[in-house]
């Protein structure tokens, strides 16, 4: 599998924390700067929620394992892989290896969903 084959799903997974922060920022802006409120990027609330739901679905429907824990800590909670490894009491190298395998597994599921076969 080529490195580029995983770039789309990696970008999707990484977008979760960005979307979460954006929703939080938008809520703050709506609350305190109602008249000057402008969306911070091209996605509206519905699109952000759909993207976040897709990422949650991909991660939370994985069988419970070190991989699912690592994906949750890294992509959902936004922790660096090094901090995930520390909290899971595994080496940094092991964490990156687990993450790589987990992303490959997530990518297979994502491609099935994207292709409409799931």
PDB file of N, CA and C in Angstrom:
ATOM      1  N   UNK A   1       0.841  -1.177   0.000  1.00  0.00           N
ATOM      2  CA  UNK A   1       0.000   0.000   0.000  1.00  0.00           C
ATOM      3  C   UNK A   1       0.888   1.241   0.000  1.00  0.00           C
ATOM      4  N   UNK A   2       0.624   2.151  -0.930  1.00  0.00           N
ATOM      5  CA  UNK A   2       1.409   3.371  -1.031  1.00  0.00           C
ATOM      6  C   UNK A   2       1.015   4.345   0.064  1.00  0.00           C
ATOM      7  N   UNK A   3       1.962   5.184   0.420  1.00  0.00           N
ATOM      8  CA  UNK A   3       1.728   6.173   1.453  1.00  0.00           C
ATOM      9  C   UNK A   3       0.563   7.098   1.074  1.00  0.00           C
ATOM     10  N   UNK A   4       0.478   7.470  -0.202  1.00  0.00           N
ATOM     11  CA  UNK A   4      -0.580   8.381  -0.663  1.00  0.00           C
ATOM     12  C   UNK A   4      -1.968   7.767  -0.553  1.00  0.00           C
ATOM     13  N   UNK A   5      -2.063   6.430  -0.552  1.00  0.00           N
ATOM     14  CA  UNK A   5      -3.359   5.764  -0.459  1.00  0.00           C
ATOM     15  C   UNK A   5      -4.067   6.072   0.854  1.00  0.00           C
ATOM     16  N   UNK A   6      -3.315   6.440   1.866  1.00  0.00           N
ATOM     17  CA  UNK A   6      -3.889   6.703   3.190  1.00  0.00           C
ATOM     18  C   UNK A   6      -4.090   8.187   3.457  1.00  0.00           C
ATOM     19  N   UNK A   7      -3.639   9.041   2.572  1.00  0.00           N
ATOM     20  CA  UNK A   7      -3.683  10.480   2.849  1.00  0.00           C
ATOM     21  C   UNK A   7      -5.106  10.996   3.032  1.00  0.00           C
ATOM     22  N   UNK A   8      -6.062  10.487   2.259  1.00  0.00           N
ATOM     23  CA  UNK A   8      -7.434  10.975   2.364  1.00  0.00           C
ATOM     24  C   UNK A   8      -8.034  10.637   3.722  1.00  0.00           C
ATOM     25  N   UNK A   9      -7.861   9.394   4.176  1.00  0.00           N
ATOM     26  CA  UNK A   9      -8.439   9.009   5.464  1.00  0.00           C
ATOM     27  C   UNK A   9      -7.687   9.672   6.617  1.00  0.00           C
ATOM     28  N   UNK A  10      -6.377   9.869   6.488  1.00  0.00           N
ATOM     29  CA  UNK A  10      -5.628  10.571   7.529  1.00  0.00           C
ATOM     30  C   UNK A  10      -6.124  12.008   7.662  1.00  0.00           C
ATOM     31  N   UNK A  11      -6.374  12.642   6.523  1.00  0.00           N
ATOM     32  CA  UNK A  11      -6.894  14.006   6.537  1.00  0.00           C
ATOM     33  C   UNK A  11      -8.279  14.053   7.188  1.00  0.00           C
ATOM     34  N   UNK A  12      -9.112  13.061   6.860  1.00  0.00           N
ATOM     35  CA  UNK A  12     -10.443  12.998   7.460  1.00  0.00           C
ATOM     36  C   UNK A  12     -10.348  12.844   8.974  1.00  0.00           C
ATOM     37  N   UNK A  13      -9.524  11.905   9.433  1.00  0.00           N
ATOM     38  CA  UNK A  13      -9.379  11.677  10.870  1.00  0.00           C
ATOM     39  C   UNK A  13      -8.844  12.931  11.569  1.00  0.00           C
ATOM     40  N   UNK A  14      -7.853  13.557  10.967  1.00  0.00           N
ATOM     41  CA  UNK A  14      -7.253  14.756  11.560  1.00  0.00           C
ATOM     42  C   UNK A  14      -8.231  15.917  11.611  1.00  0.00           C
ATOM     43  N   UNK A  15      -9.192  15.928  10.716  1.00  0.00           N
ATOM     44  CA  UNK A  15     -10.138  17.041  10.665  1.00  0.00           C
ATOM     45  C   UNK A  15     -11.071  17.066  11.871  1.00  0.00           C
ATOM     46  N   UNK A  16     -11.196  15.968  12.599  1.00  0.00           N
ATOM     47  CA  UNK A  16     -12.129  15.902  13.724  1.00  0.00           C
ATOM     48  C   UNK A  16     -11.836  16.981  14.765  1.00  0.00           C
ATOM     49  N   UNK A  17     -10.591  17.056  15.199  1.00  0.00           N
ATOM     50  CA  UNK A  17     -10.229  18.021  16.234  1.00  0.00           C
ATOM     51  C   UNK A  17     -10.404  19.437  15.700  1.00  0.00           C
ATOM     52  N   UNK A  18     -10.069  19.652  14.426  1.00  0.00           N
ATOM     53  CA  UNK A  18     -10.234  20.974  13.826  1.00  0.00           C
ATOM     54  C   UNK A  18     -11.719  21.347  13.809  1.00  0.00           C
ATOM     55  N   UNK A  19     -12.561  20.407  13.397  1.00  0.00           N
ATOM     56  CA  UNK A  19     -14.008  20.667  13.369  1.00  0.00           C
ATOM     57  C   UNK A  19     -14.542  20.937  14.769  1.00  0.00           C
ATOM     58  N   UNK A  20     -14.043  20.165  15.735  1.00  0.00           N
ATOM     59  CA  UNK A  20     -14.475  20.342  17.130  1.00  0.00           C
ATOM     60  C   UNK A  20     -14.107  21.744  17.623  1.00  0.00           C
ATOM     61  N   UNK A  21     -12.886  22.160  17.293  1.00  0.00           N
ATOM     62  CA  UNK A  21     -12.439  23.495  17.697  1.00  0.00           C
ATOM     63  C   UNK A  21     -13.238  24.577  16.971  1.00  0.00           C
ATOM     64  N   UNK A  22     -13.530  24.325  15.704  1.00  0.00           N
ATOM     65  CA  UNK A  22     -14.287  25.296  14.936  1.00  0.00           C
ATOM     66  C   UNK A  22     -15.683  25.472  15.516  1.00  0.00           C
ATOM     67  N   UNK A  23     -16.338  24.348  15.839  1.00  0.00           N
ATOM     68  CA  UNK A  23     -17.679  24.439  16.434  1.00  0.00           C
ATOM     69  C   UNK A  23     -17.620  25.224  17.743  1.00  0.00           C
ATOM     70  N   UNK A  24     -16.599  24.958  18.543  1.00  0.00           N
ATOM     71  CA  UNK A  24     -16.443  25.664  19.806  1.00  0.00           C
ATOM     72  C   UNK A  24     -16.222  27.162  19.558  1.00  0.00           C
ATOM     73  N   UNK A  25     -15.385  27.490  18.585  1.00  0.00           N
ATOM     74  CA  UNK A  25     -15.109  28.888  18.251  1.00  0.00           C
ATOM     75  C   UNK A  25     -16.355  29.580  17.730  1.00  0.00           C
ATOM     76  N   UNK A  26     -17.106  28.872  16.896  1.00  0.00           N
ATOM     77  CA  UNK A  26     -18.325  29.449  16.345  1.00  0.00           C
ATOM     78  C   UNK A  26     -19.348  29.717  17.438  1.00  0.00           C
ATOM     79  N   UNK A  27     -19.465  28.792  18.382  1.00  0.00           N
ATOM     80  CA  UNK A  27     -20.402  28.992  19.491  1.00  0.00           C
ATOM     81  C   UNK A  27     -19.994  30.215  20.316  1.00  0.00           C
ATOM     82  N   UNK A  28     -18.696  30.369  20.531  1.00  0.00           N
ATOM     83  CA  UNK A  28     -18.180  31.532  21.263  1.00  0.00           C
ATOM     84  C   UNK A  28     -18.487  32.812  20.484  1.00  0.00           C
ATOM     85  N   UNK A  29     -18.208  32.786  19.171  1.00  0.00           N
ATOM     86  CA  UNK A  29     -18.446  33.963  18.334  1.00  0.00           C
ATOM     87  C   UNK A  29     -19.925  34.327  18.298  1.00  0.00           C
ATOM     88  N   UNK A  30     -20.771  33.321  18.181  1.00  0.00           N
ATOM     89  CA  UNK A  30     -22.216  33.584  18.165  1.00  0.00           C
ATOM     90  C   UNK A  30     -22.667  34.203  19.485  1.00  0.00           C
ATOM     91  N   UNK A  31     -22.081  33.735  20.574  1.00  0.00           N
ATOM     92  CA  UNK A  31     -22.501  34.196  21.896  1.00  0.00           C
ATOM     93  C   UNK A  31     -22.045  35.640  22.159  1.00  0.00           C
ATOM     94  N   UNK A  32     -20.800  35.968  21.757  1.00  0.00           N
ATOM     95  CA  UNK A  32     -20.235  37.256  22.133  1.00  0.00           C
ATOM     96  C   UNK A  32     -20.134  38.284  21.007  1.00  0.00           C
ATOM     97  N   UNK A  33     -20.191  37.820  19.753  1.00  0.00           N
ATOM     98  CA  UNK A  33     -20.029  38.735  18.624  1.00  0.00           C
ATOM     99  C   UNK A  33     -21.097  38.487  17.564  1.00  0.00           C
ATOM    100  N   UNK A  34     -22.333  38.432  17.976  1.00  0.00           N
ATOM    101  CA  UNK A  34     -23.447  38.054  17.111  1.00  0.00           C
ATOM    102  C   UNK A  34     -23.465  38.854  15.813  1.00  0.00           C
ATOM    103  N   UNK A  35     -23.324  40.154  15.873  1.00  0.00           N
ATOM    104  CA  UNK A  35     -23.445  40.973  14.679  1.00  0.00           C
ATOM    105  C   UNK A  35     -22.273  40.798  13.731  1.00  0.00           C
ATOM    106  N   UNK A  36     -21.120  40.515  14.246  1.00  0.00           N
ATOM    107  CA  UNK A  36     -19.938  40.365  13.388  1.00  0.00           C
ATOM    108  C   UNK A  36     -19.621  38.920  13.059  1.00  0.00           C
ATOM    109  N   UNK A  37     -20.482  38.006  13.471  1.00  0.00           N
ATOM    110  CA  UNK A  37     -20.219  36.584  13.275  1.00  0.00           C
ATOM    111  C   UNK A  37     -20.095  36.227  11.804  1.00  0.00           C
ATOM    112  N   UNK A  38     -19.030  35.545  11.454  1.00  0.00           N
ATOM    113  CA  UNK A  38     -18.815  34.998  10.107  1.00  0.00           C
ATOM    114  C   UNK A  38     -18.274  33.577  10.294  1.00  0.00           C
ATOM    115  N   UNK A  39     -18.701  32.626   9.436  1.00  0.00           N
ATOM    116  CA  UNK A  39     -18.125  31.271   9.548  1.00  0.00           C
ATOM    117  C   UNK A  39     -16.609  31.325   9.339  1.00  0.00           C
ATOM    118  N   UNK A  40     -15.906  30.503  10.067  1.00  0.00           N
ATOM    119  CA  UNK A  40     -14.450  30.517  10.008  1.00  0.00           C
ATOM    120  C   UNK A  40     -13.886  29.728   8.837  1.00  0.00           C
ATOM    121  N   UNK A  41     -14.690  28.931   8.193  1.00  0.00           N
ATOM    122  CA  UNK A  41     -14.246  28.237   6.985  1.00  0.00           C
ATOM    123  C   UNK A  41     -15.477  27.950   6.150  1.00  0.00           C
ATOM    124  N   UNK A  42     -15.317  27.232   5.051  1.00  0.00           N
ATOM    125  CA  UNK A  42     -16.409  26.994   4.124  1.00  0.00           C
ATOM    126  C   UNK A  42     -17.457  25.998   4.587  1.00  0.00           C
ATOM    127  N   UNK A  43     -17.259  25.335   5.703  1.00  0.00           N
ATOM    128  CA  UNK A  43     -18.220  24.332   6.170  1.00  0.00           C
ATOM    129  C   UNK A  43     -19.266  24.971   7.075  1.00  0.00           C
ATOM    130  N   UNK A  44     -20.512  24.577   6.889  1.00  0.00           N
ATOM    131  CA  UNK A  44     -21.545  25.042   7.812  1.00  0.00           C
ATOM    132  C   UNK A  44     -21.690  24.016   8.936  1.00  0.00           C
ATOM    133  N   UNK A  45     -22.524  24.323   9.925  1.00  0.00           N
ATOM    134  CA  UNK A  45     -22.684  23.448  11.090  1.00  0.00           C
ATOM    135  C   UNK A  45     -23.070  22.023  10.698  1.00  0.00           C
ATOM    136  N   UNK A  46     -23.981  21.899   9.740  1.00  0.00           N
ATOM    137  CA  UNK A  46     -24.445  20.575   9.330  1.00  0.00           C
ATOM    138  C   UNK A  46     -23.314  19.759   8.710  1.00  0.00           C
ATOM    139  N   UNK A  47     -22.500  20.400   7.871  1.00  0.00           N
ATOM    140  CA  UNK A  47     -21.377  19.700   7.244  1.00  0.00           C
ATOM    141  C   UNK A  47     -20.326  19.299   8.270  1.00  0.00           C
ATOM    142  N   UNK A  48     -20.077  20.178   9.219  1.00  0.00           N
ATOM    143  CA  UNK A  48     -19.119  19.869  10.283  1.00  0.00           C
ATOM    144  C   UNK A  48     -19.605  18.674  11.091  1.00  0.00           C
ATOM    145  N   UNK A  49     -20.880  18.687  11.458  1.00  0.00           N
ATOM    146  CA  UNK A  49     -21.444  17.586  12.245  1.00  0.00           C
ATOM    147  C   UNK A  49     -21.383  16.276  11.476  1.00  0.00           C
ATOM    148  N   UNK A  50     -21.683  16.303  10.189  1.00  0.00           N
ATOM    149  CA  UNK A  50     -21.615  15.088   9.368  1.00  0.00           C
ATOM    150  C   UNK A  50     -20.192  14.538   9.336  1.00  0.00           C
ATOM    151  N   UNK A  51     -19.222  15.430   9.152  1.00  0.00           N
ATOM    152  CA  UNK A  51     -17.820  15.010   9.094  1.00  0.00           C
ATOM    153  C   UNK A  51     -17.397  14.403  10.433  1.00  0.00           C
ATOM    154  N   UNK A  52     -17.792  15.060  11.525  1.00  0.00           N
ATOM    155  CA  UNK A  52     -17.440  14.551  12.848  1.00  0.00           C
ATOM    156  C   UNK A  52     -18.113  13.206  13.116  1.00  0.00           C
ATOM    157  N   UNK A  53     -19.367  13.063  12.704  1.00  0.00           N
ATOM    158  CA  UNK A  53     -20.080  11.792  12.885  1.00  0.00           C
ATOM    159  C   UNK A  53     -19.413  10.669  12.104  1.00  0.00           C
ATOM    160  N   UNK A  54     -18.937  10.968  10.900  1.00  0.00           N
ATOM    161  CA  UNK A  54     -18.252   9.954  10.100  1.00  0.00           C
ATOM    162  C   UNK A  54     -16.994   9.478  10.808  1.00  0.00           C
ATOM    163  N   UNK A  55     -16.200  10.418  11.311  1.00  0.00           N
ATOM    164  CA  UNK A  55     -14.970  10.049  12.025  1.00  0.00           C
ATOM    165  C   UNK A  55     -15.304   9.234  13.271  1.00  0.00           C
ATOM    166  N   UNK A  56     -16.297   9.681  14.034  1.00  0.00           N
ATOM    167  CA  UNK A  56     -16.703   8.933  15.234  1.00  0.00           C
ATOM    168  C   UNK A  56     -17.166   7.530  14.864  1.00  0.00           C
ATOM    169  N   UNK A  57     -17.944   7.412  13.807  1.00  0.00           N
ATOM    170  CA  UNK A  57     -18.424   6.109  13.351  1.00  0.00           C
ATOM    171  C   UNK A  57     -17.253   5.199  12.970  1.00  0.00           C
ATOM    172  N   UNK A  58     -16.293   5.739  12.241  1.00  0.00           N
ATOM    173  CA  UNK A  58     -15.137   4.941  11.834  1.00  0.00           C
ATOM    174  C   UNK A  58     -14.347   4.440  13.045  1.00  0.00           C
ATOM    175  N   UNK A  59     -14.162   5.303  14.019  1.00  0.00           N
ATOM    176  CA  UNK A  59     -13.343   4.935  15.190  1.00  0.00           C
ATOM    177  C   UNK A  59     -14.126   4.126  16.212  1.00  0.00           C
ATOM    178  N   UNK A  60     -15.332   4.558  16.552  1.00  0.00           N
ATOM    179  CA  UNK A  60     -16.077   3.919  17.641  1.00  0.00           C
ATOM    180  C   UNK A  60     -16.675   2.565  17.261  1.00  0.00           C
ATOM    181  N   UNK A  61     -16.755   2.246  15.979  1.00  0.00           N
ATOM    182  CA  UNK A  61     -17.270   0.934  15.588  1.00  0.00           C
ATOM    183  C   UNK A  61     -16.160  -0.097  15.418  1.00  0.00           C
ATOM    184  N   UNK A  62     -14.925   0.325  15.664  1.00  0.00           N
ATOM    185  CA  UNK A  62     -13.818  -0.637  15.646  1.00  0.00           C
ATOM    186  C   UNK A  62     -13.916  -1.524  16.874  1.00  0.00           C
ATOM    187  N   UNK A  63     -13.482  -2.776  16.758  1.00  0.00           N
ATOM    188  CA  UNK A  63     -13.440  -3.627  17.962  1.00  0.00           C
ATOM    189  C   UNK A  63     -12.524  -2.984  19.010  1.00  0.00           C
ATOM    190  N   UNK A  64     -12.882  -3.126  20.270  1.00  0.00           N
ATOM    191  CA  UNK A  64     -12.083  -2.549  21.345  1.00  0.00           C
ATOM    192  C   UNK A  64     -10.690  -3.173  21.333  1.00  0.00           C
ATOM    193  N   UNK A  65      -9.688  -2.333  21.222  1.00  0.00           N
ATOM    194  CA  UNK A  65      -8.299  -2.790  21.177  1.00  0.00           C
ATOM    195  C   UNK A  65      -7.387  -1.604  21.464  1.00  0.00           C
ATOM    196  N   UNK A  66      -6.087  -1.881  21.495  1.00  0.00           N
ATOM    197  CA  UNK A  66      -5.141  -0.778  21.671  1.00  0.00           C
ATOM    198  C   UNK A  66      -5.260   0.211  20.519  1.00  0.00           C
ATOM    199  N   UNK A  67      -5.565  -0.313  19.320  1.00  0.00           N
ATOM    200  CA  UNK A  67      -5.708   0.546  18.146  1.00  0.00           C
ATOM    201  C   UNK A  67      -6.884   1.506  18.310  1.00  0.00           C
ATOM    202  N   UNK A  68      -8.008   1.000  18.779  1.00  0.00           N
ATOM    203  CA  UNK A  68      -9.184   1.874  18.941  1.00  0.00           C
ATOM    204  C   UNK A  68      -8.943   2.910  20.039  1.00  0.00           C
ATOM    205  N   UNK A  69      -8.256   2.510  21.092  1.00  0.00           N
ATOM    206  CA  UNK A  69      -7.922   3.451  22.167  1.00  0.00           C
ATOM    207  C   UNK A  69      -7.003   4.544  21.632  1.00  0.00           C
ATOM    208  N   UNK A  70      -5.988   4.134  20.890  1.00  0.00           N
ATOM    209  CA  UNK A  70      -5.024   5.086  20.340  1.00  0.00           C
ATOM    210  C   UNK A  70      -5.696   6.051  19.363  1.00  0.00           C
ATOM    211  N   UNK A  71      -6.547   5.537  18.481  1.00  0.00           N
ATOM    212  CA  UNK A  71      -7.271   6.403  17.549  1.00  0.00           C
ATOM    213  C   UNK A  71      -8.140   7.402  18.295  1.00  0.00           C
ATOM    214  N   UNK A  72      -8.813   6.934  19.333  1.00  0.00           N
ATOM    215  CA  UNK A  72      -9.663   7.810  20.135  1.00  0.00           C
ATOM    216  C   UNK A  72      -8.836   8.901  20.813  1.00  0.00           C
ATOM    217  N   UNK A  73      -7.768   8.513  21.459  1.00  0.00           N
ATOM    218  CA  UNK A  73      -6.933   9.495  22.152  1.00  0.00           C
ATOM    219  C   UNK A  73      -6.329  10.505  21.178  1.00  0.00           C
ATOM    220  N   UNK A  74      -5.842  10.003  20.042  1.00  0.00           N
ATOM    221  CA  UNK A  74      -5.132  10.879  19.100  1.00  0.00           C
ATOM    222  C   UNK A  74      -6.086  11.753  18.280  1.00  0.00           C
ATOM    223  N   UNK A  75      -7.079  11.152  17.652  1.00  0.00           N
ATOM    224  CA  UNK A  75      -7.936  11.914  16.740  1.00  0.00           C
ATOM    225  C   UNK A  75      -9.150  12.544  17.403  1.00  0.00           C
ATOM    226  N   UNK A  76      -9.775  11.867  18.335  1.00  0.00           N
ATOM    227  CA  UNK A  76     -10.963  12.426  18.985  1.00  0.00           C
ATOM    228  C   UNK A  76     -10.567  13.422  20.080  1.00  0.00           C
ATOM    229  N   UNK A  77      -9.582  13.049  20.885  1.00  0.00           N
ATOM    230  CA  UNK A  77      -9.170  13.927  21.988  1.00  0.00           C
ATOM    231  C   UNK A  77      -8.025  14.860  21.620  1.00  0.00           C
ATOM    232  N   UNK A  78      -7.391  14.633  20.464  1.00  0.00           N
ATOM    233  CA  UNK A  78      -6.363  15.543  19.976  1.00  0.00           C
ATOM    234  C   UNK A  78      -5.018  15.467  20.673  1.00  0.00           C
ATOM    235  N   UNK A  79      -4.720  14.355  21.331  1.00  0.00           N
ATOM    236  CA  UNK A  79      -3.416  14.213  21.999  1.00  0.00           C
ATOM    237  C   UNK A  79      -2.340  13.831  20.988  1.00  0.00           C
ATOM    238  N   UNK A  80      -1.125  14.330  21.172  1.00  0.00           N
ATOM    239  CA  UNK A  80      -0.021  13.883  20.318  1.00  0.00           C
ATOM    240  C   UNK A  80       0.226  12.386  20.553  1.00  0.00           C
ATOM    241  N   UNK A  81       0.745  11.717  19.545  1.00  0.00           N
ATOM    242  CA  UNK A  81       0.974  10.270  19.644  1.00  0.00           C
ATOM    243  C   UNK A  81       1.880   9.951  20.832  1.00  0.00           C
ATOM    244  N   UNK A  82       2.851  10.802  21.093  1.00  0.00           N
ATOM    245  CA  UNK A  82       3.767  10.573  22.213  1.00  0.00           C
ATOM    246  C   UNK A  82       3.020  10.543  23.551  1.00  0.00           C
ATOM    247  N   UNK A  83       2.066  11.461  23.730  1.00  0.00           N
ATOM    248  CA  UNK A  83       1.267  11.491  24.964  1.00  0.00           C
ATOM    249  C   UNK A  83       0.337  10.283  25.041  1.00  0.00           C
ATOM    250  N   UNK A  84      -0.191   9.862  23.886  1.00  0.00           N
ATOM    251  CA  UNK A  84      -1.035   8.665  23.848  1.00  0.00           C
ATOM    252  C   UNK A  84      -0.222   7.453  24.307  1.00  0.00           C
ATOM    253  N   UNK A  85       0.989   7.337  23.782  1.00  0.00           N
ATOM    254  CA  UNK A  85       1.862   6.216  24.134  1.00  0.00           C
ATOM    255  C   UNK A  85       2.147   6.217  25.633  1.00  0.00           C
ATOM    256  N   UNK A  86       2.421   7.394  26.153  1.00  0.00           N
ATOM    257  CA  UNK A  86       2.710   7.519  27.581  1.00  0.00           C
ATOM    258  C   UNK A  86       1.507   7.086  28.417  1.00  0.00           C
ATOM    259  N   UNK A  87       0.314   7.549  28.061  1.00  0.00           N
ATOM    260  CA  UNK A  87      -0.872   7.200  28.850  1.00  0.00           C
ATOM    261  C   UNK A  87      -1.260   5.735  28.686  1.00  0.00           C
ATOM    262  N   UNK A  88      -0.900   5.138  27.546  1.00  0.00           N
ATOM    263  CA  UNK A  88      -1.198   3.718  27.326  1.00  0.00           C
ATOM    264  C   UNK A  88      -0.079   2.814  27.836  1.00  0.00           C
ATOM    265  N   UNK A  89       1.004   3.445  28.304  1.00  0.00           N
ATOM    266  CA  UNK A  89       2.175   2.733  28.809  1.00  0.00           C
ATOM    267  C   UNK A  89       2.770   1.799  27.761  1.00  0.00           C
ATOM    268  N   UNK A  90       2.941   2.360  26.559  1.00  0.00           N
ATOM    269  CA  UNK A  90       3.627   1.655  25.475  1.00  0.00           C
ATOM    270  C   UNK A  90       4.697   2.584  24.924  1.00  0.00           C
ATOM    271  N   UNK A  91       5.630   2.029  24.168  1.00  0.00           N
ATOM    272  CA  UNK A  91       6.688   2.869  23.611  1.00  0.00           C
ATOM    273  C   UNK A  91       6.138   3.726  22.476  1.00  0.00           C
ATOM    274  N   UNK A  92       6.845   4.792  22.210  1.00  0.00           N
ATOM    275  CA  UNK A  92       6.475   5.705  21.126  1.00  0.00           C
ATOM    276  C   UNK A  92       6.455   4.963  19.799  1.00  0.00           C
ATOM    277  N   UNK A  93       7.455   4.120  19.577  1.00  0.00           N
ATOM    278  CA  UNK A  93       7.549   3.343  18.341  1.00  0.00           C
ATOM    279  C   UNK A  93       6.360   2.406  18.186  1.00  0.00           C
ATOM    280  N   UNK A  94       5.998   1.740  19.262  1.00  0.00           N
ATOM    281  CA  UNK A  94       4.843   0.834  19.233  1.00  0.00           C
ATOM    282  C   UNK A  94       3.572   1.617  18.925  1.00  0.00           C
ATOM    283  N   UNK A  95       3.439   2.793  19.524  1.00  0.00           N
ATOM    284  CA  UNK A  95       2.259   3.623  19.279  1.00  0.00           C
ATOM    285  C   UNK A  95       2.154   3.989  17.799  1.00  0.00           C
ATOM    286  N   UNK A  96       3.251   4.406  17.190  1.00  0.00           N
ATOM    287  CA  UNK A  96       3.219   4.762  15.768  1.00  0.00           C
ATOM    288  C   UNK A  96       2.923   3.546  14.897  1.00  0.00           C
ATOM    289  N   UNK A  97       3.441   2.381  15.283  1.00  0.00           N
ATOM    290  CA  UNK A  97       3.163   1.149  14.526  1.00  0.00           C
ATOM    291  C   UNK A  97       1.674   0.780  14.619  1.00  0.00           C
ATOM    292  N   UNK A  98       1.135   0.852  15.832  1.00  0.00           N
ATOM    293  CA  UNK A  98      -0.295   0.560  16.034  1.00  0.00           C
ATOM    294  C   UNK A  98      -1.142   1.560  15.247  1.00  0.00           C
ATOM    295  N   UNK A  99      -0.766   2.828  15.304  1.00  0.00           N
ATOM    296  CA  UNK A  99      -1.518   3.871  14.605  1.00  0.00           C
ATOM    297  C   UNK A  99      -1.516   3.622  13.100  1.00  0.00           C
ATOM    298  N   UNK A 100      -0.378   3.249  12.559  1.00  0.00           N
ATOM    299  CA  UNK A 100      -0.294   2.978  11.112  1.00  0.00           C
ATOM    300  C   UNK A 100      -1.233   1.838  10.723  1.00  0.00           C
ATOM    301  N   UNK A 101      -1.219   0.766  11.481  1.00  0.00           N
ATOM    302  CA  UNK A 101      -2.102  -0.375  11.187  1.00  0.00           C
ATOM    303  C   UNK A 101      -3.576   0.016  11.349  1.00  0.00           C
ATOM    304  N   UNK A 102      -3.854   0.809  12.363  1.00  0.00           N
ATOM    305  CA  UNK A 102      -5.235   1.242  12.607  1.00  0.00           C
ATOM    306  C   UNK A 102      -5.738   2.123  11.468  1.00  0.00           C
ATOM    307  N   UNK A 103      -4.888   2.997  10.964  1.00  0.00           N
ATOM    308  CA  UNK A 103      -5.281   3.865   9.857  1.00  0.00           C
ATOM    309  C   UNK A 103      -5.544   3.050   8.603  1.00  0.00           C
ATOM    310  N   UNK A 104      -4.748   2.014   8.381  1.00  0.00           N
ATOM    311  CA  UNK A 104      -4.978   1.134   7.229  1.00  0.00           C
ATOM    312  C   UNK A 104      -6.345   0.449   7.360  1.00  0.00           C
ATOM    313  N   UNK A 105      -6.662  -0.019   8.567  1.00  0.00           N
ATOM    314  CA  UNK A 105      -7.959  -0.663   8.809  1.00  0.00           C
ATOM    315  C   UNK A 105      -9.107   0.330   8.637  1.00  0.00           C
ATOM    316  N   UNK A 106      -8.940   1.532   9.177  1.00  0.00           N
ATOM    317  CA  UNK A 106      -9.960   2.577   9.046  1.00  0.00           C
ATOM    318  C   UNK A 106     -10.146   2.940   7.572  1.00  0.00           C
ATOM    319  N   UNK A 107      -9.041   2.999   6.839  1.00  0.00           N
ATOM    320  CA  UNK A 107      -9.112   3.360   5.421  1.00  0.00           C
ATOM    321  C   UNK A 107      -9.942   2.344   4.635  1.00  0.00           C
ATOM    322  N   UNK A 108      -9.771   1.078   4.931  1.00  0.00           N
ATOM    323  CA  UNK A 108     -10.558   0.044   4.240  1.00  0.00           C
ATOM    324  C   UNK A 108     -12.044   0.262   4.490  1.00  0.00           C
ATOM    325  N   UNK A 109     -12.393   0.530   5.737  1.00  0.00           N
ATOM    326  CA  UNK A 109     -13.793   0.760   6.088  1.00  0.00           C
ATOM    327  C   UNK A 109     -14.306   2.046   5.432  1.00  0.00           C
ATOM    328  N   UNK A 110     -13.490   3.079   5.457  1.00  0.00           N
ATOM    329  CA  UNK A 110     -13.863   4.362   4.857  1.00  0.00           C
ATOM    330  C   UNK A 110     -14.101   4.219   3.346  1.00  0.00           C
ATOM    331  N   UNK A 111     -13.243   3.467   2.683  1.00  0.00           N
ATOM    332  CA  UNK A 111     -13.392   3.275   1.233  1.00  0.00           C
ATOM    333  C   UNK A 111     -14.688   2.519   0.925  1.00  0.00           C
ATOM    334  N   UNK A 112     -15.054   1.550   1.788  1.00  0.00           N
ATOM    335  CA  UNK A 112     -16.316   0.822   1.593  1.00  0.00           C
ATOM    336  C   UNK A 112     -17.503   1.770   1.774  1.00  0.00           C
ATOM    337  N   UNK A 113     -17.447   2.600   2.807  1.00  0.00           N
ATOM    338  CA  UNK A 113     -18.527   3.561   3.058  1.00  0.00           C
ATOM    339  C   UNK A 113     -18.616   4.552   1.903  1.00  0.00           C
ATOM    340  N   UNK A 114     -17.489   5.063   1.497  1.00  0.00           N
ATOM    341  CA  UNK A 114     -17.418   6.043   0.419  1.00  0.00           C
ATOM    342  C   UNK A 114     -17.936   5.456  -0.894  1.00  0.00           C
ATOM    343  N   UNK A 115     -17.639   4.167  -1.107  1.00  0.00           N
ATOM    344  CA  UNK A 115     -18.083   3.511  -2.317  1.00  0.00           C
ATOM    345  C   UNK A 115     -19.528   3.040  -2.247  1.00  0.00           C
ATOM    346  N   UNK A 116     -20.152   3.169  -1.092  1.00  0.00           N
ATOM    347  CA  UNK A 116     -21.546   2.804  -0.925  1.00  0.00           C
ATOM    348  C   UNK A 116     -21.794   1.316  -0.745  1.00  0.00           C
ATOM    349  N   UNK A 117     -20.734   0.572  -0.379  1.00  0.00           N
ATOM    350  CA  UNK A 117     -20.898  -0.868  -0.191  1.00  0.00           C
ATOM    351  C   UNK A 117     -21.119  -1.242   1.264  1.00  0.00           C
ATOM    352  N   UNK A 118     -21.303  -0.253   2.122  1.00  0.00           N
ATOM    353  CA  UNK A 118     -21.534  -0.575   3.539  1.00  0.00           C
ATOM    354  C   UNK A 118     -22.759   0.124   4.039  1.00  0.00           C
TER     355      UNK A 118
END
